[in-house]
Amino acid sequence: MQIARVLLATAVASIAGCANTPTQLMAESPTRLFRSPLSPIDAADCMARNAEEKAAAFSATTRPSPGGGREVIVRVADTDFIYATARLTPNGAGSVGELWSGTFAGSVGTSPEDNAAMLLRGCGN
């Protein structure tokens, strides 16, 4: 357990582009627009599942957002650092969304685009 904490502390020290609030991340990161054939709830759950399955260092939550939409927040586990956030709104039978993501050095991808692709796999394009 102590080794895991040391590894997590090392990982947190290598974070680039992470923020402490979704608003801060949105202001500091590029926006990726996407569509999904899934409802906002299902697409948000899919993205959260992708994050948690990709790296044990991530913890994802979803919550309602205005207009029947959904928000996904991906944090570095056991910290307040936000790695990615997405807002999804209903669009016909599916949804449209905006995704903001930082990078997590040495873990997932090397760019926000790589990380967006990982989060959106099977959830949208």
Protein backbone atom coordinates (compact mmCIF):
# COMPACT_ATOMS: atom_id res chain seq x y z
CA MET A 1 0.00 0.00 0.00
CA GLN A 2 2.85 2.37 0.82
CA ILE A 3 4.41 1.69 -2.60
CA ALA A 4 1.10 2.56 -4.28
CA ARG A 5 0.97 5.89 -2.43
CA VAL A 6 4.54 6.72 -3.43
CA LEU A 7 3.75 5.88 -7.06
CA LEU A 8 0.61 8.01 -6.95
CA ALA A 9 2.53 10.92 -5.43
CA THR A 10 5.14 10.58 -8.18
CA ALA A 11 2.42 10.50 -10.82
CA VAL A 12 0.72 13.57 -9.38
CA ALA A 13 4.04 15.39 -9.47
CA SER A 14 4.24 14.71 -13.23
CA ILE A 15 0.81 16.10 -14.07
CA ALA A 16 0.70 18.68 -16.81
CA GLY A 17 -2.48 20.42 -17.83
CA CYS A 18 -4.60 19.25 -14.92
CA ALA A 19 -6.71 21.66 -12.91
CA ASN A 20 -8.53 21.90 -9.61
CA THR A 21 -11.94 22.85 -11.05
CA PRO A 22 -13.75 22.02 -14.30
CA THR A 23 -13.94 25.75 -15.08
CA GLN A 24 -10.17 26.12 -14.71
CA LEU A 25 -9.54 23.15 -17.02
CA MET A 26 -11.97 24.56 -19.61
CA ALA A 27 -10.13 27.89 -19.56
CA GLU A 28 -6.69 26.28 -19.93
CA SER A 29 -7.29 23.39 -22.36
CA PRO A 30 -8.41 23.08 -25.98
CA THR A 31 -12.03 22.12 -26.61
CA ARG A 32 -12.88 18.97 -28.53
CA LEU A 33 -16.41 18.87 -29.98
CA PHE A 34 -17.98 15.45 -30.53
CA ARG A 35 -21.21 13.62 -31.35
CA SER A 36 -22.50 10.42 -29.85
CA PRO A 37 -25.31 8.09 -30.86
CA LEU A 38 -25.79 7.50 -27.12
CA SER A 39 -27.98 9.56 -24.80
CA PRO A 40 -26.11 12.05 -22.59
CA ILE A 41 -26.42 9.69 -19.60
CA ASP A 42 -25.16 6.64 -21.51
CA ALA A 43 -22.34 8.58 -23.23
CA ALA A 44 -21.22 10.05 -19.88
CA ASP A 45 -21.23 6.61 -18.26
CA CYS A 46 -19.25 5.23 -21.23
CA MET A 47 -16.60 7.95 -20.93
CA ALA A 48 -16.32 7.46 -17.17
CA ARG A 49 -15.91 3.71 -17.65
CA ASN A 50 -13.20 4.27 -20.30
CA ALA A 51 -11.22 6.50 -17.95
CA GLU A 52 -11.37 4.10 -15.02
CA GLU A 53 -10.59 1.04 -17.17
CA LYS A 54 -7.59 2.75 -18.80
CA ALA A 55 -5.76 3.74 -15.64
CA ALA A 56 -6.25 2.93 -11.98
CA ALA A 57 -4.95 6.44 -11.35
CA PHE A 58 -8.30 7.88 -12.54
CA SER A 59 -11.62 8.25 -10.77
CA ALA A 60 -14.60 9.42 -12.83
CA THR A 61 -17.96 10.81 -11.77
CA THR A 62 -20.99 11.92 -13.74
CA ARG A 63 -23.63 14.42 -12.72
CA PRO A 64 -26.63 16.17 -14.26
CA SER A 65 -26.11 19.41 -16.16
CA PRO A 66 -28.69 21.94 -17.35
CA GLY A 67 -31.09 21.10 -20.17
CA GLY A 68 -31.19 17.35 -19.57
CA GLY A 69 -27.48 17.01 -20.18
CA ARG A 70 -24.73 15.30 -18.28
CA GLU A 71 -21.24 16.24 -17.12
CA VAL A 72 -18.29 13.89 -16.70
CA ILE A 73 -15.40 14.77 -14.41
CA VAL A 74 -12.25 12.63 -14.44
CA ARG A 75 -9.92 13.16 -11.50
CA VAL A 76 -6.55 11.78 -10.63
CA ALA A 77 -7.54 9.29 -7.91
CA ASP A 78 -7.19 10.42 -4.31
CA THR A 79 -6.44 14.01 -5.36
CA ASP A 80 -8.34 17.14 -6.30
CA PHE A 81 -6.66 17.35 -9.73
CA ILE A 82 -9.10 17.23 -12.64
CA TYR A 83 -7.70 15.44 -15.68
CA ALA A 84 -10.69 15.86 -18.01
CA THR A 85 -14.23 17.14 -18.07
CA ALA A 86 -16.99 16.84 -20.64
CA ARG A 87 -20.44 18.33 -21.02
CA LEU A 88 -23.03 16.47 -23.06
CA THR A 89 -26.41 17.75 -24.24
CA PRO A 90 -29.29 15.88 -25.90
CA ASN A 91 -29.35 15.97 -29.71
CA GLY A 92 -32.09 13.93 -31.32
CA ALA A 93 -31.71 10.31 -30.19
CA GLY A 94 -28.07 10.91 -29.24
CA SER A 95 -25.98 13.71 -27.82
CA VAL A 96 -23.38 16.31 -28.65
CA GLY A 97 -20.61 17.32 -26.33
CA GLU A 98 -17.55 19.31 -25.52
CA LEU A 99 -14.48 17.72 -23.97
CA TRP A 100 -11.55 19.38 -22.25
CA SER A 101 -8.55 17.31 -21.25
CA GLY A 102 -5.10 17.84 -19.87
CA THR A 103 -2.24 15.39 -20.14
CA PHE A 104 -0.98 12.93 -17.56
CA ALA A 105 2.71 12.43 -18.27
CA GLY A 106 3.82 8.86 -18.87
CA SER A 107 0.42 7.33 -18.31
CA VAL A 108 -2.28 7.59 -20.93
CA GLY A 109 -1.43 9.68 -23.96
CA THR A 110 0.97 12.34 -24.96
CA SER A 111 -1.56 14.97 -25.99
CA PRO A 112 -5.10 16.11 -25.25
CA GLU A 113 -6.10 14.59 -28.63
CA ASP A 114 -4.78 11.15 -27.60
CA ASN A 115 -6.58 11.41 -24.30
CA ALA A 116 -9.83 12.52 -25.94
CA ALA A 117 -9.65 9.50 -28.25
CA MET A 118 -9.21 7.22 -25.22
CA LEU A 119 -12.17 8.77 -23.36
CA LEU A 120 -14.47 8.73 -26.39
CA ARG A 121 -13.70 5.17 -27.56
CA GLY A 122 -17.05 3.54 -28.24
CA CYS A 123 -18.90 6.58 -26.90
CA GLY A 124 -18.75 9.10 -29.76
CA ASN A 125 -16.46 10.61 -32.37
